[in-house]
């Protein structure tokens, strides 16, 4: 529990999931096309 590896791994995975889920939801809610949505998601990644 002292090596500091679990925290950045978990934090990174959770942040990546929540960030792009929320980003895709926001952009998709605005009615953009699939191509724009994918481009936005990749840029966010």
ModelCIF file with pLDDT and N, C-alpha, C, O atoms, coordinates in Angstrom:
data_MODEL
#
_entry.id   MODEL 
#
_entity.id                         1 
_entity.type                       polymer 
_entity.pdbx_number_of_molecules   1 
#
_entity_poly.entity_id                      1 
_entity_poly.type                           'polypeptide(L)' 
_entity_poly.nstd_linkage                   no 
_entity_poly.nstd_monomer                   no 
_entity_poly.pdbx_seq_one_letter_code       
;(UNK)(UNK)(UNK)(UNK)(UNK)(UNK)(UNK)(UNK)(UNK)(UNK)(UNK)(UNK)(UNK)(UNK)(UNK)(UNK)
(UNK)(UNK)(UNK)(UNK)(UNK)(UNK)(UNK)(UNK)(UNK)(UNK)(UNK)(UNK)(UNK)(UNK)(UNK)(UNK)
(UNK)(UNK)(UNK)(UNK)(UNK)(UNK)(UNK)(UNK)(UNK)(UNK)(UNK)(UNK)(UNK)
;
_entity_poly.pdbx_seq_one_letter_code_can   XXXXXXXXXXXXXXXXXXXXXXXXXXXXXXXXXXXXXXXXXXXXX 
_entity_poly.pdbx_strand_id                 A 
#
loop_
_entity_poly_seq.entity_id 
_entity_poly_seq.num 
_entity_poly_seq.mon_id 
_entity_poly_seq.hetero 
1 1  UNK n 
1 2  UNK n 
1 3  UNK n 
1 4  UNK n 
1 5  UNK n 
1 6  UNK n 
1 7  UNK n 
1 8  UNK n 
1 9  UNK n 
1 10 UNK n 
1 11 UNK n 
1 12 UNK n 
1 13 UNK n 
1 14 UNK n 
1 15 UNK n 
1 16 UNK n 
1 17 UNK n 
1 18 UNK n 
1 19 UNK n 
1 20 UNK n 
1 21 UNK n 
1 22 UNK n 
1 23 UNK n 
1 24 UNK n 
1 25 UNK n 
1 26 UNK n 
1 27 UNK n 
1 28 UNK n 
1 29 UNK n 
1 30 UNK n 
1 31 UNK n 
1 32 UNK n 
1 33 UNK n 
1 34 UNK n 
1 35 UNK n 
1 36 UNK n 
1 37 UNK n 
1 38 UNK n 
1 39 UNK n 
1 40 UNK n 
1 41 UNK n 
1 42 UNK n 
1 43 UNK n 
1 44 UNK n 
1 45 UNK n 
#
_struct_asym.id          A 
_struct_asym.entity_id   1 
#
loop_
_ma_qa_metric.id 
_ma_qa_metric.mode 
_ma_qa_metric.name 
_ma_qa_metric.software_group_id 
_ma_qa_metric.type 
1 global pLDDT . pLDDT 
2 local  pLDDT . pLDDT 
#
_ma_qa_metric_global.metric_id      1 
_ma_qa_metric_global.metric_value   89.47 
_ma_qa_metric_global.model_id       1 
_ma_qa_metric_global.ordinal_id     1 
#
loop_
_ma_qa_metric_local.label_asym_id 
_ma_qa_metric_local.label_comp_id 
_ma_qa_metric_local.label_seq_id 
_ma_qa_metric_local.metric_id 
_ma_qa_metric_local.metric_value 
_ma_qa_metric_local.model_id 
_ma_qa_metric_local.ordinal_id 
A UNK 1  2 51.00 1 1  
A UNK 2  2 50.00 1 2  
A UNK 3  2 50.00 1 3  
A UNK 4  2 62.00 1 4  
A UNK 5  2 80.00 1 5  
A UNK 6  2 82.00 1 6  
A UNK 7  2 84.00 1 7  
A UNK 8  2 90.00 1 8  
A UNK 9  2 91.00 1 9  
A UNK 10 2 89.00 1 10 
A UNK 11 2 90.00 1 11 
A UNK 12 2 94.00 1 12 
A UNK 13 2 94.00 1 13 
A UNK 14 2 94.00 1 14 
A UNK 15 2 95.00 1 15 
A UNK 16 2 96.00 1 16 
A UNK 17 2 96.00 1 17 
A UNK 18 2 96.00 1 18 
A UNK 19 2 96.00 1 19 
A UNK 20 2 96.00 1 20 
A UNK 21 2 97.00 1 21 
A UNK 22 2 96.00 1 22 
A UNK 23 2 96.00 1 23 
A UNK 24 2 95.00 1 24 
A UNK 25 2 96.00 1 25 
A UNK 26 2 95.00 1 26 
A UNK 27 2 94.00 1 27 
A UNK 28 2 93.00 1 28 
A UNK 29 2 92.00 1 29 
A UNK 30 2 91.00 1 30 
A UNK 31 2 89.00 1 31 
A UNK 32 2 90.00 1 32 
A UNK 33 2 90.00 1 33 
A UNK 34 2 92.00 1 34 
A UNK 35 2 92.00 1 35 
A UNK 36 2 93.00 1 36 
A UNK 37 2 93.00 1 37 
A UNK 38 2 95.00 1 38 
A UNK 39 2 95.00 1 39 
A UNK 40 2 95.00 1 40 
A UNK 41 2 96.00 1 41 
A UNK 42 2 96.00 1 42 
A UNK 43 2 96.00 1 43 
A UNK 44 2 96.00 1 44 
A UNK 45 2 97.00 1 45 
#
loop_
_atom_site.group_PDB 
_atom_site.id 
_atom_site.type_symbol 
_atom_site.label_atom_id 
_atom_site.label_alt_id 
_atom_site.label_comp_id 
_atom_site.label_asym_id 
_atom_site.label_entity_id 
_atom_site.label_seq_id 
_atom_site.pdbx_PDB_ins_code 
_atom_site.Cartn_x 
_atom_site.Cartn_y 
_atom_site.Cartn_z 
_atom_site.occupancy 
_atom_site.B_iso_or_equiv 
_atom_site.pdbx_formal_charge 
_atom_site.auth_seq_id 
_atom_site.auth_comp_id 
_atom_site.auth_asym_id 
_atom_site.auth_atom_id 
_atom_site.pdbx_PDB_model_num 
ATOM 1   N N  . UNK A 1 1  ? 0.825   -1.214 0.000   1.00 51.00 ? 1  UNK A N  1 
ATOM 2   C CA . UNK A 1 1  ? 0.000   0.000  0.000   1.00 51.00 ? 1  UNK A CA 1 
ATOM 3   C C  . UNK A 1 1  ? 0.858   1.262  0.000   1.00 51.00 ? 1  UNK A C  1 
ATOM 4   O O  . UNK A 1 1  ? 0.327   2.366  0.121   1.00 51.00 ? 1  UNK A O  1 
ATOM 5   N N  . UNK A 1 2  ? 2.171   1.115  -0.133  1.00 50.00 ? 2  UNK A N  1 
ATOM 6   C CA . UNK A 1 2  ? 3.053   2.271  -0.056  1.00 50.00 ? 2  UNK A CA 1 
ATOM 7   C C  . UNK A 1 2  ? 3.695   2.620  -1.388  1.00 50.00 ? 2  UNK A C  1 
ATOM 8   O O  . UNK A 1 2  ? 4.366   3.647  -1.494  1.00 50.00 ? 2  UNK A O  1 
ATOM 9   N N  . UNK A 1 3  ? 3.506   1.788  -2.408  1.00 50.00 ? 3  UNK A N  1 
ATOM 10  C CA . UNK A 1 3  ? 4.196   2.025  -3.665  1.00 50.00 ? 3  UNK A CA 1 
ATOM 11  C C  . UNK A 1 3  ? 3.560   3.072  -4.552  1.00 50.00 ? 3  UNK A C  1 
ATOM 12  O O  . UNK A 1 3  ? 4.172   3.515  -5.524  1.00 50.00 ? 3  UNK A O  1 
ATOM 13  N N  . UNK A 1 4  ? 2.325   3.482  -4.232  1.00 62.00 ? 4  UNK A N  1 
ATOM 14  C CA . UNK A 1 4  ? 1.684   4.529  -5.011  1.00 62.00 ? 4  UNK A CA 1 
ATOM 15  C C  . UNK A 1 4  ? 1.267   4.115  -6.402  1.00 62.00 ? 4  UNK A C  1 
ATOM 16  O O  . UNK A 1 4  ? 1.195   4.963  -7.291  1.00 62.00 ? 4  UNK A O  1 
ATOM 17  N N  . UNK A 1 5  ? 0.983   2.819  -6.627  1.00 80.00 ? 5  UNK A N  1 
ATOM 18  C CA . UNK A 1 5  ? 0.617   2.361  -7.964  1.00 80.00 ? 5  UNK A CA 1 
ATOM 19  C C  . UNK A 1 5  ? -0.882  2.146  -8.141  1.00 80.00 ? 5  UNK A C  1 
ATOM 20  O O  . UNK A 1 5  ? -1.414  2.403  -9.221  1.00 80.00 ? 5  UNK A O  1 
ATOM 21  N N  . UNK A 1 6  ? -1.565  1.684  -7.111  1.00 82.00 ? 6  UNK A N  1 
ATOM 22  C CA . UNK A 1 6  ? -2.997  1.437  -7.246  1.00 82.00 ? 6  UNK A CA 1 
ATOM 23  C C  . UNK A 1 6  ? -3.762  2.734  -7.445  1.00 82.00 ? 6  UNK A C  1 
ATOM 24  O O  . UNK A 1 6  ? -4.661  2.795  -8.283  1.00 82.00 ? 6  UNK A O  1 
ATOM 25  N N  . UNK A 1 7  ? -3.422  3.769  -6.693  1.00 84.00 ? 7  UNK A N  1 
ATOM 26  C CA . UNK A 1 7  ? -4.158  5.028  -6.769  1.00 84.00 ? 7  UNK A CA 1 
ATOM 27  C C  . UNK A 1 7  ? -4.126  5.649  -8.166  1.00 84.00 ? 7  UNK A C  1 
ATOM 28  O O  . UNK A 1 7  ? -5.191  5.963  -8.698  1.00 84.00 ? 7  UNK A O  1 
ATOM 29  N N  . UNK A 1 8  ? -2.939  5.844  -8.798  1.00 90.00 ? 8  UNK A N  1 
ATOM 30  C CA . UNK A 1 8  ? -2.978  6.447  -10.137 1.00 90.00 ? 8  UNK A CA 1 
ATOM 31  C C  . UNK A 1 8  ? -3.647  5.568  -11.178 1.00 90.00 ? 8  UNK A C  1 
ATOM 32  O O  . UNK A 1 8  ? -4.261  6.078  -12.115 1.00 90.00 ? 8  UNK A O  1 
ATOM 33  N N  . UNK A 1 9  ? -3.536  4.242  -11.027 1.00 91.00 ? 9  UNK A N  1 
ATOM 34  C CA . UNK A 1 9  ? -4.183  3.347  -11.982 1.00 91.00 ? 9  UNK A CA 1 
ATOM 35  C C  . UNK A 1 9  ? -5.697  3.456  -11.874 1.00 91.00 ? 9  UNK A C  1 
ATOM 36  O O  . UNK A 1 9  ? -6.386  3.620  -12.880 1.00 91.00 ? 9  UNK A O  1 
ATOM 37  N N  . UNK A 1 10 ? -6.213  3.363  -10.651 1.00 89.00 ? 10 UNK A N  1 
ATOM 38  C CA . UNK A 1 10 ? -7.662  3.451  -10.446 1.00 89.00 ? 10 UNK A CA 1 
ATOM 39  C C  . UNK A 1 10 ? -8.167  4.839  -10.809 1.00 89.00 ? 10 UNK A C  1 
ATOM 40  O O  . UNK A 1 10 ? -9.177  4.977  -11.498 1.00 89.00 ? 10 UNK A O  1 
ATOM 41  N N  . UNK A 1 11 ? -7.463  5.867  -10.343 1.00 90.00 ? 11 UNK A N  1 
ATOM 42  C CA . UNK A 1 11 ? -7.878  7.236  -10.625 1.00 90.00 ? 11 UNK A CA 1 
ATOM 43  C C  . UNK A 1 11 ? -7.867  7.501  -12.123 1.00 90.00 ? 11 UNK A C  1 
ATOM 44  O O  . UNK A 1 11 ? -8.779  8.138  -12.651 1.00 90.00 ? 11 UNK A O  1 
ATOM 45  N N  . UNK A 1 12 ? -6.830  7.010  -12.813 1.00 94.00 ? 12 UNK A N  1 
ATOM 46  C CA . UNK A 1 12 ? -6.762  7.218  -14.252 1.00 94.00 ? 12 UNK A CA 1 
ATOM 47  C C  . UNK A 1 12 ? -7.898  6.540  -14.987 1.00 94.00 ? 12 UNK A C  1 
ATOM 48  O O  . UNK A 1 12 ? -8.530  7.146  -15.852 1.00 94.00 ? 12 UNK A O  1 
ATOM 49  N N  . UNK A 1 13 ? -8.167  5.273  -14.648 1.00 94.00 ? 13 UNK A N  1 
ATOM 50  C CA . UNK A 1 13 ? -9.237  4.538  -15.327 1.00 94.00 ? 13 UNK A CA 1 
ATOM 51  C C  . UNK A 1 13 ? -10.601 5.174  -15.069 1.00 94.00 ? 13 UNK A C  1 
ATOM 52  O O  . UNK A 1 13 ? -11.391 5.362  -15.994 1.00 94.00 ? 13 UNK A O  1 
ATOM 53  N N  . UNK A 1 14 ? -10.870 5.504  -13.805 1.00 94.00 ? 14 UNK A N  1 
ATOM 54  C CA . UNK A 1 14 ? -12.160 6.109  -13.475 1.00 94.00 ? 14 UNK A CA 1 
ATOM 55  C C  . UNK A 1 14 ? -12.323 7.469  -14.141 1.00 94.00 ? 14 UNK A C  1 
ATOM 56  O O  . UNK A 1 14 ? -13.391 7.802  -14.657 1.00 94.00 ? 14 UNK A O  1 
ATOM 57  N N  . UNK A 1 15 ? -11.251 8.242  -14.119 1.00 95.00 ? 15 UNK A N  1 
ATOM 58  C CA . UNK A 1 15 ? -11.318 9.574  -14.721 1.00 95.00 ? 15 UNK A CA 1 
ATOM 59  C C  . UNK A 1 15 ? -11.520 9.476  -16.226 1.00 95.00 ? 15 UNK A C  1 
ATOM 60  O O  . UNK A 1 15 ? -12.283 10.246 -16.809 1.00 95.00 ? 15 UNK A O  1 
ATOM 61  N N  . UNK A 1 16 ? -10.825 8.519  -16.857 1.00 96.00 ? 16 UNK A N  1 
ATOM 62  C CA . UNK A 1 16 ? -11.005 8.342  -18.288 1.00 96.00 ? 16 UNK A CA 1 
ATOM 63  C C  . UNK A 1 16 ? -12.424 7.939  -18.644 1.00 96.00 ? 16 UNK A C  1 
ATOM 64  O O  . UNK A 1 16 ? -13.008 8.462  -19.593 1.00 96.00 ? 16 UNK A O  1 
ATOM 65  N N  . UNK A 1 17 ? -12.977 7.003  -17.877 1.00 96.00 ? 17 UNK A N  1 
ATOM 66  C CA . UNK A 1 17 ? -14.355 6.568  -18.118 1.00 96.00 ? 17 UNK A CA 1 
ATOM 67  C C  . UNK A 1 17 ? -15.342 7.711  -17.927 1.00 96.00 ? 17 UNK A C  1 
ATOM 68  O O  . UNK A 1 17 ? -16.144 8.005  -18.813 1.00 96.00 ? 17 UNK A O  1 
ATOM 69  N N  . UNK A 1 18 ? -15.276 8.353  -16.763 1.00 96.00 ? 18 UNK A N  1 
ATOM 70  C CA . UNK A 1 18 ? -16.257 9.408  -16.456 1.00 96.00 ? 18 UNK A CA 1 
ATOM 71  C C  . UNK A 1 18 ? -16.103 10.583 -17.408 1.00 96.00 ? 18 UNK A C  1 
ATOM 72  O O  . UNK A 1 18 ? -17.097 11.127 -17.891 1.00 96.00 ? 18 UNK A O  1 
ATOM 73  N N  . UNK A 1 19 ? -14.853 10.981 -17.683 1.00 96.00 ? 19 UNK A N  1 
ATOM 74  C CA . UNK A 1 19 ? -14.629 12.131 -18.555 1.00 96.00 ? 19 UNK A CA 1 
ATOM 75  C C  . UNK A 1 19 ? -15.223 11.913 -19.938 1.00 96.00 ? 19 UNK A C  1 
ATOM 76  O O  . UNK A 1 19 ? -15.943 12.772 -20.447 1.00 96.00 ? 19 UNK A O  1 
ATOM 77  N N  . UNK A 1 20 ? -14.926 10.765 -20.554 1.00 96.00 ? 20 UNK A N  1 
ATOM 78  C CA . UNK A 1 20 ? -15.419 10.570 -21.915 1.00 96.00 ? 20 UNK A CA 1 
ATOM 79  C C  . UNK A 1 20 ? -16.891 10.189 -21.968 1.00 96.00 ? 20 UNK A C  1 
ATOM 80  O O  . UNK A 1 20 ? -17.577 10.507 -22.940 1.00 96.00 ? 20 UNK A O  1 
ATOM 81  N N  . UNK A 1 21 ? -17.386 9.511  -20.936 1.00 97.00 ? 21 UNK A N  1 
ATOM 82  C CA . UNK A 1 21 ? -18.831 9.260  -20.887 1.00 97.00 ? 21 UNK A CA 1 
ATOM 83  C C  . UNK A 1 21 ? -19.583 10.582 -20.820 1.00 97.00 ? 21 UNK A C  1 
ATOM 84  O O  . UNK A 1 21 ? -20.551 10.802 -21.548 1.00 97.00 ? 21 UNK A O  1 
ATOM 85  N N  . UNK A 1 22 ? -19.117 11.465 -19.924 1.00 96.00 ? 22 UNK A N  1 
ATOM 86  C CA . UNK A 1 22 ? -19.774 12.764 -19.784 1.00 96.00 ? 22 UNK A CA 1 
ATOM 87  C C  . UNK A 1 22 ? -19.593 13.614 -21.033 1.00 96.00 ? 22 UNK A C  1 
ATOM 88  O O  . UNK A 1 22 ? -20.514 14.314 -21.452 1.00 96.00 ? 22 UNK A O  1 
ATOM 89  N N  . UNK A 1 23 ? -18.401 13.552 -21.628 1.00 96.00 ? 23 UNK A N  1 
ATOM 90  C CA . UNK A 1 23 ? -18.144 14.338 -22.834 1.00 96.00 ? 23 UNK A CA 1 
ATOM 91  C C  . UNK A 1 23 ? -19.018 13.867 -23.992 1.00 96.00 ? 23 UNK A C  1 
ATOM 92  O O  . UNK A 1 23 ? -19.608 14.682 -24.701 1.00 96.00 ? 23 UNK A O  1 
ATOM 93  N N  . UNK A 1 24 ? -19.099 12.561 -24.179 1.00 95.00 ? 24 UNK A N  1 
ATOM 94  C CA . UNK A 1 24 ? -19.926 12.007 -25.253 1.00 95.00 ? 24 UNK A CA 1 
ATOM 95  C C  . UNK A 1 24 ? -21.402 12.314 -25.006 1.00 95.00 ? 24 UNK A C  1 
ATOM 96  O O  . UNK A 1 24 ? -22.141 12.636 -25.936 1.00 95.00 ? 24 UNK A O  1 
ATOM 97  N N  . UNK A 1 25 ? -21.825 12.211 -23.743 1.00 96.00 ? 25 UNK A N  1 
ATOM 98  C CA . UNK A 1 25 ? -23.219 12.522 -23.423 1.00 96.00 ? 25 UNK A CA 1 
ATOM 99  C C  . UNK A 1 25 ? -23.543 13.975 -23.717 1.00 96.00 ? 25 UNK A C  1 
ATOM 100 O O  . UNK A 1 25 ? -24.601 14.287 -24.264 1.00 96.00 ? 25 UNK A O  1 
ATOM 101 N N  . UNK A 1 26 ? -22.618 14.870 -23.349 1.00 95.00 ? 26 UNK A N  1 
ATOM 102 C CA . UNK A 1 26 ? -22.864 16.291 -23.587 1.00 95.00 ? 26 UNK A CA 1 
ATOM 103 C C  . UNK A 1 26 ? -22.900 16.637 -25.060 1.00 95.00 ? 26 UNK A C  1 
ATOM 104 O O  . UNK A 1 26 ? -23.794 17.351 -25.514 1.00 95.00 ? 26 UNK A O  1 
ATOM 105 N N  . UNK A 1 27 ? -21.928 16.133 -25.810 1.00 94.00 ? 27 UNK A N  1 
ATOM 106 C CA . UNK A 1 27 ? -21.881 16.413 -27.241 1.00 94.00 ? 27 UNK A CA 1 
ATOM 107 C C  . UNK A 1 27 ? -23.040 15.724 -27.967 1.00 94.00 ? 27 UNK A C  1 
ATOM 108 O O  . UNK A 1 27 ? -23.667 16.304 -28.854 1.00 94.00 ? 27 UNK A O  1 
ATOM 109 N N  . UNK A 1 28 ? -23.314 14.459 -27.566 1.00 93.00 ? 28 UNK A N  1 
ATOM 110 C CA . UNK A 1 28 ? -24.433 13.750 -28.174 1.00 93.00 ? 28 UNK A CA 1 
ATOM 111 C C  . UNK A 1 28 ? -25.759 14.408 -27.859 1.00 93.00 ? 28 UNK A C  1 
ATOM 112 O O  . UNK A 1 28 ? -26.655 14.441 -28.702 1.00 93.00 ? 28 UNK A O  1 
ATOM 113 N N  . UNK A 1 29 ? -25.894 14.936 -26.643 1.00 92.00 ? 29 UNK A N  1 
ATOM 114 C CA . UNK A 1 29 ? -27.120 15.641 -26.288 1.00 92.00 ? 29 UNK A CA 1 
ATOM 115 C C  . UNK A 1 29 ? -27.327 16.894 -27.104 1.00 92.00 ? 29 UNK A C  1 
ATOM 116 O O  . UNK A 1 29 ? -28.457 17.349 -27.283 1.00 92.00 ? 29 UNK A O  1 
ATOM 117 N N  . UNK A 1 30 ? -26.224 17.460 -27.605 1.00 91.00 ? 30 UNK A N  1 
ATOM 118 C CA . UNK A 1 30 ? -26.328 18.642 -28.453 1.00 91.00 ? 30 UNK A CA 1 
ATOM 119 C C  . UNK A 1 30 ? -26.729 18.329 -29.877 1.00 91.00 ? 30 UNK A C  1 
ATOM 120 O O  . UNK A 1 30 ? -26.963 19.241 -30.670 1.00 91.00 ? 30 UNK A O  1 
ATOM 121 N N  . UNK A 1 31 ? -26.815 17.024 -30.223 1.00 89.00 ? 31 UNK A N  1 
ATOM 122 C CA . UNK A 1 31 ? -27.303 16.624 -31.532 1.00 89.00 ? 31 UNK A CA 1 
ATOM 123 C C  . UNK A 1 31 ? -26.267 16.573 -32.637 1.00 89.00 ? 31 UNK A C  1 
ATOM 124 O O  . UNK A 1 31 ? -26.632 16.639 -33.811 1.00 89.00 ? 31 UNK A O  1 
ATOM 125 N N  . UNK A 1 32 ? -24.988 16.459 -32.308 1.00 90.00 ? 32 UNK A N  1 
ATOM 126 C CA . UNK A 1 32 ? -23.964 16.408 -33.355 1.00 90.00 ? 32 UNK A CA 1 
ATOM 127 C C  . UNK A 1 32 ? -23.955 15.027 -34.003 1.00 90.00 ? 32 UNK A C  1 
ATOM 128 O O  . UNK A 1 32 ? -24.523 14.075 -33.469 1.00 90.00 ? 32 UNK A O  1 
ATOM 129 N N  . UNK A 1 33 ? -23.307 14.933 -35.152 1.00 90.00 ? 33 UNK A N  1 
ATOM 130 C CA . UNK A 1 33 ? -23.217 13.671 -35.857 1.00 90.00 ? 33 UNK A CA 1 
ATOM 131 C C  . UNK A 1 33 ? -22.195 12.739 -35.229 1.00 90.00 ? 33 UNK A C  1 
ATOM 132 O O  . UNK A 1 33 ? -21.398 13.143 -34.383 1.00 90.00 ? 33 UNK A O  1 
ATOM 133 N N  . UNK A 1 34 ? -22.234 11.477 -35.663 1.00 92.00 ? 34 UNK A N  1 
ATOM 134 C CA . UNK A 1 34 ? -21.352 10.454 -35.100 1.00 92.00 ? 34 UNK A CA 1 
ATOM 135 C C  . UNK A 1 34 ? -19.883 10.784 -35.324 1.00 92.00 ? 34 UNK A C  1 
ATOM 136 O O  . UNK A 1 34 ? -19.055 10.571 -34.439 1.00 92.00 ? 34 UNK A O  1 
ATOM 137 N N  . UNK A 1 35 ? -19.559 11.301 -36.498 1.00 92.00 ? 35 UNK A N  1 
ATOM 138 C CA . UNK A 1 35 ? -18.161 11.605 -36.804 1.00 92.00 ? 35 UNK A CA 1 
ATOM 139 C C  . UNK A 1 35 ? -17.612 12.672 -35.869 1.00 92.00 ? 35 UNK A C  1 
ATOM 140 O O  . UNK A 1 35 ? -16.499 12.549 -35.357 1.00 92.00 ? 35 UNK A O  1 
ATOM 141 N N  . UNK A 1 36 ? -18.399 13.721 -35.650 1.00 93.00 ? 36 UNK A N  1 
ATOM 142 C CA . UNK A 1 36 ? -17.979 14.776 -34.728 1.00 93.00 ? 36 UNK A CA 1 
ATOM 143 C C  . UNK A 1 36 ? -17.867 14.245 -33.317 1.00 93.00 ? 36 UNK A C  1 
ATOM 144 O O  . UNK A 1 36 ? -16.956 14.620 -32.579 1.00 93.00 ? 36 UNK A O  1 
ATOM 145 N N  . UNK A 1 37 ? -18.781 13.378 -32.937 1.00 93.00 ? 37 UNK A N  1 
ATOM 146 C CA . UNK A 1 37 ? -18.759 12.803 -31.589 1.00 93.00 ? 37 UNK A CA 1 
ATOM 147 C C  . UNK A 1 37 ? -17.503 11.962 -31.367 1.00 93.00 ? 37 UNK A C  1 
ATOM 148 O O  . UNK A 1 37 ? -16.866 12.054 -30.318 1.00 93.00 ? 37 UNK A O  1 
ATOM 149 N N  . UNK A 1 38 ? -17.151 11.145 -32.357 1.00 95.00 ? 38 UNK A N  1 
ATOM 150 C CA . UNK A 1 38 ? -15.939 10.325 -32.228 1.00 95.00 ? 38 UNK A CA 1 
ATOM 151 C C  . UNK A 1 38 ? -14.704 11.215 -32.168 1.00 95.00 ? 38 UNK A C  1 
ATOM 152 O O  . UNK A 1 38 ? -13.812 10.981 -31.353 1.00 95.00 ? 38 UNK A O  1 
ATOM 153 N N  . UNK A 1 39 ? -14.646 12.224 -33.015 1.00 95.00 ? 39 UNK A N  1 
ATOM 154 C CA . UNK A 1 39 ? -13.508 13.150 -33.001 1.00 95.00 ? 39 UNK A CA 1 
ATOM 155 C C  . UNK A 1 39 ? -13.389 13.829 -31.640 1.00 95.00 ? 39 UNK A C  1 
ATOM 156 O O  . UNK A 1 39 ? -12.287 13.973 -31.110 1.00 95.00 ? 39 UNK A O  1 
ATOM 157 N N  . UNK A 1 40 ? -14.509 14.243 -31.080 1.00 95.00 ? 40 UNK A N  1 
ATOM 158 C CA . UNK A 1 40 ? -14.498 14.866 -29.755 1.00 95.00 ? 40 UNK A CA 1 
ATOM 159 C C  . UNK A 1 40 ? -14.011 13.886 -28.696 1.00 95.00 ? 40 UNK A C  1 
ATOM 160 O O  . UNK A 1 40 ? -13.212 14.243 -27.830 1.00 95.00 ? 40 UNK A O  1 
ATOM 161 N N  . UNK A 1 41 ? -14.500 12.637 -28.769 1.00 96.00 ? 41 UNK A N  1 
ATOM 162 C CA . UNK A 1 41 ? -14.088 11.643 -27.795 1.00 96.00 ? 41 UNK A CA 1 
ATOM 163 C C  . UNK A 1 41 ? -12.610 11.314 -27.882 1.00 96.00 ? 41 UNK A C  1 
ATOM 164 O O  . UNK A 1 41 ? -11.951 11.161 -26.853 1.00 96.00 ? 41 UNK A O  1 
ATOM 165 N N  . UNK A 1 42 ? -12.079 11.203 -29.087 1.00 96.00 ? 42 UNK A N  1 
ATOM 166 C CA . UNK A 1 42 ? -10.647 10.907 -29.252 1.00 96.00 ? 42 UNK A CA 1 
ATOM 167 C C  . UNK A 1 42 ? -9.810  12.084 -28.761 1.00 96.00 ? 42 UNK A C  1 
ATOM 168 O O  . UNK A 1 42 ? -8.785  11.892 -28.107 1.00 96.00 ? 42 UNK A O  1 
ATOM 169 N N  . UNK A 1 43 ? -10.247 13.300 -29.079 1.00 96.00 ? 43 UNK A N  1 
ATOM 170 C CA . UNK A 1 43 ? -9.522  14.474 -28.593 1.00 96.00 ? 43 UNK A CA 1 
ATOM 171 C C  . UNK A 1 43 ? -9.528  14.521 -27.068 1.00 96.00 ? 43 UNK A C  1 
ATOM 172 O O  . UNK A 1 43 ? -8.522  14.858 -26.444 1.00 96.00 ? 43 UNK A O  1 
ATOM 173 N N  . UNK A 1 44 ? -10.676 14.177 -26.473 1.00 96.00 ? 44 UNK A N  1 
ATOM 174 C CA . UNK A 1 44 ? -10.750 14.145 -25.013 1.00 96.00 ? 44 UNK A CA 1 
ATOM 175 C C  . UNK A 1 44 ? -9.851  13.079 -24.435 1.00 96.00 ? 44 UNK A C  1 
ATOM 176 O O  . UNK A 1 44 ? -9.243  13.280 -23.384 1.00 96.00 ? 44 UNK A O  1 
ATOM 177 N N  . UNK A 1 45 ? -9.758  11.940 -25.110 1.00 97.00 ? 45 UNK A N  1 
ATOM 178 C CA . UNK A 1 45 ? -8.880  10.855 -24.652 1.00 97.00 ? 45 UNK A CA 1 
ATOM 179 C C  . UNK A 1 45 ? -7.421  11.311 -24.650 1.00 97.00 ? 45 UNK A C  1 
ATOM 180 O O  . UNK A 1 45 ? -6.533  10.537 -24.296 1.00 97.00 ? 45 UNK A O  1 
#
